[in-house]
């Protein structure tokens, strides 16, 4: 099975940028679809962005379209989430999740079998 580890979280001011990384080990990341989810205190975990194993198909939550970009480098077994124009409502723990390659990029947490420990993103106003 694959293990995933997130990095790149931190504290940033409104309008700032961060890049999160999700690194895989144990299996070739190129055989997995990968998604980013986030969970704010007192809220359910929500889908942010997902990318197909090929990197061709991507899917974004409406709340981040135009501000966030998901990408992957299968040679480095890493998926990235570039976050621009950050807002206080983006504050959450961000999780990377992976599951076996398929055509559809799923947005439900139940469709992903492998999860990282999360990285905190805090956007100050």
Protein backbone atom coordinates (compact mmCIF):
# COMPACT_ATOMS: atom_id res chain seq x y z
CA UNK A 1 0.00 0.00 0.00
CA UNK A 2 1.01 3.62 -0.42
CA UNK A 3 1.85 6.03 2.41
CA UNK A 4 1.38 9.76 1.96
CA UNK A 5 2.87 12.66 3.91
CA UNK A 6 1.83 16.29 3.60
CA UNK A 7 4.07 19.31 4.08
CA UNK A 8 4.07 23.02 3.38
CA UNK A 9 1.39 24.31 5.72
CA UNK A 10 1.83 27.41 7.82
CA UNK A 11 0.59 30.86 8.73
CA UNK A 12 -0.04 33.39 5.96
CA UNK A 13 -1.85 36.70 5.65
CA UNK A 14 -4.99 37.21 3.60
CA UNK A 15 -4.09 37.36 -0.07
CA UNK A 16 -0.92 35.37 0.40
CA UNK A 17 0.16 32.05 -1.10
CA UNK A 18 1.29 28.64 0.07
CA UNK A 19 2.26 25.46 -1.73
CA UNK A 20 1.40 22.16 -0.13
CA UNK A 21 3.19 18.96 -1.08
CA UNK A 22 2.04 15.37 -0.78
CA UNK A 23 4.85 12.86 -0.99
CA UNK A 24 4.26 9.15 -1.46
CA UNK A 25 6.23 6.12 -0.42
CA UNK A 26 5.69 2.40 -0.61
CA UNK A 27 4.19 2.37 -4.10
CA UNK A 28 4.57 4.27 -7.34
CA UNK A 29 2.38 7.34 -7.00
CA UNK A 30 1.65 7.29 -10.69
CA UNK A 31 -0.80 4.44 -10.13
CA UNK A 32 -3.04 6.52 -7.86
CA UNK A 33 -5.56 9.29 -8.10
CA UNK A 34 -4.86 11.92 -5.45
CA UNK A 35 -7.01 14.54 -3.79
CA UNK A 36 -6.72 17.28 -1.23
CA UNK A 37 -9.37 17.66 1.47
CA UNK A 38 -9.60 20.12 4.33
CA UNK A 39 -11.31 20.21 7.69
CA UNK A 40 -11.92 23.30 9.77
CA UNK A 41 -12.82 23.09 13.48
CA UNK A 42 -16.42 22.01 13.96
CA UNK A 43 -16.92 21.31 10.26
CA UNK A 44 -16.97 18.21 8.13
CA UNK A 45 -14.05 17.25 5.94
CA UNK A 46 -14.53 18.77 2.49
CA UNK A 47 -13.08 18.15 -0.94
CA UNK A 48 -10.69 20.80 -2.25
CA UNK A 49 -9.10 19.43 -5.43
CA UNK A 50 -8.31 16.15 -7.09
CA UNK A 51 -6.11 14.90 -9.90
CA UNK A 52 -6.24 11.77 -11.99
CA UNK A 53 -3.26 9.44 -12.07
CA UNK A 54 -2.34 10.72 -15.55
CA UNK A 55 -2.49 14.34 -14.45
CA UNK A 56 -4.90 15.09 -17.28
CA UNK A 57 -8.21 15.25 -15.43
CA UNK A 58 -8.49 17.62 -12.47
CA UNK A 59 -11.46 18.69 -10.39
CA UNK A 60 -11.87 21.61 -7.99
CA UNK A 61 -14.37 22.66 -5.38
CA UNK A 62 -16.21 25.80 -6.43
CA UNK A 63 -14.82 27.64 -3.42
CA UNK A 64 -11.23 27.35 -4.66
CA UNK A 65 -11.61 27.51 -8.45
CA UNK A 66 -9.33 30.14 -9.93
CA UNK A 67 -7.24 30.36 -6.76
CA UNK A 68 -5.87 26.85 -6.19
CA UNK A 69 -4.02 24.63 -8.64
CA UNK A 70 -3.35 20.93 -8.19
CA UNK A 71 -0.51 19.28 -10.08
CA UNK A 72 1.68 16.22 -9.88
CA UNK A 73 5.16 15.04 -10.70
CA UNK A 74 4.99 11.26 -10.89
CA UNK A 75 8.75 11.01 -11.35
CA UNK A 76 9.06 12.53 -7.86
CA UNK A 77 6.01 10.70 -6.44
CA UNK A 78 4.65 14.06 -5.34
CA UNK A 79 1.39 15.97 -5.75
CA UNK A 80 1.21 19.71 -5.14
CA UNK A 81 -1.50 22.17 -4.20
CA UNK A 82 -0.61 25.75 -5.07
CA UNK A 83 -2.88 28.06 -3.08
CA UNK A 84 -3.08 31.72 -4.07
CA UNK A 85 -5.26 34.62 -2.91
CA UNK A 86 -5.81 32.88 0.38
CA UNK A 87 -8.76 33.89 2.55
CA UNK A 88 -9.42 33.41 6.27
CA UNK A 89 -12.10 30.85 5.36
CA UNK A 90 -9.35 28.68 3.83
CA UNK A 91 -8.03 28.07 7.35
CA UNK A 92 -8.14 24.33 8.05
CA UNK A 93 -6.12 21.18 8.35
CA UNK A 94 -5.37 20.02 4.82
CA UNK A 95 -5.19 16.31 4.08
CA UNK A 96 -3.80 14.44 1.12
CA UNK A 97 -5.62 11.28 0.10
CA UNK A 98 -4.94 8.63 -2.54
CA UNK A 99 -6.71 5.72 -4.14
CA UNK A 100 -6.18 3.35 -7.02
CA UNK A 101 -6.12 4.98 -10.46
CA UNK A 102 -9.45 5.43 -12.20
CA UNK A 103 -10.88 7.73 -14.86
CA UNK A 104 -13.17 9.67 -12.54
CA UNK A 105 -11.70 12.03 -9.95
CA UNK A 106 -13.82 11.36 -6.88
CA UNK A 107 -14.78 14.07 -4.39
CA UNK A 108 -16.13 11.96 -1.53
CA UNK A 109 -13.72 11.14 1.30
CA UNK A 110 -15.06 7.58 1.39
CA UNK A 111 -13.60 6.97 -2.09
CA UNK A 112 -10.03 7.35 -0.84
CA UNK A 113 -8.26 4.60 1.07
CA UNK A 114 -4.95 6.21 1.98
CA UNK A 115 -4.62 9.38 4.02
CA UNK A 116 -1.86 11.55 5.40
CA UNK A 117 -1.73 13.05 8.86
CA UNK A 118 -2.63 16.54 7.69
CA UNK A 119 -0.92 19.92 7.67
CA UNK A 120 -2.31 23.09 9.24
CA UNK A 121 -3.00 26.14 7.07
CA UNK A 122 -3.91 29.35 8.89
CA UNK A 123 -4.86 32.53 7.05
CA UNK A 124 -4.91 35.64 9.18
CA UNK A 125 -7.18 38.58 8.40
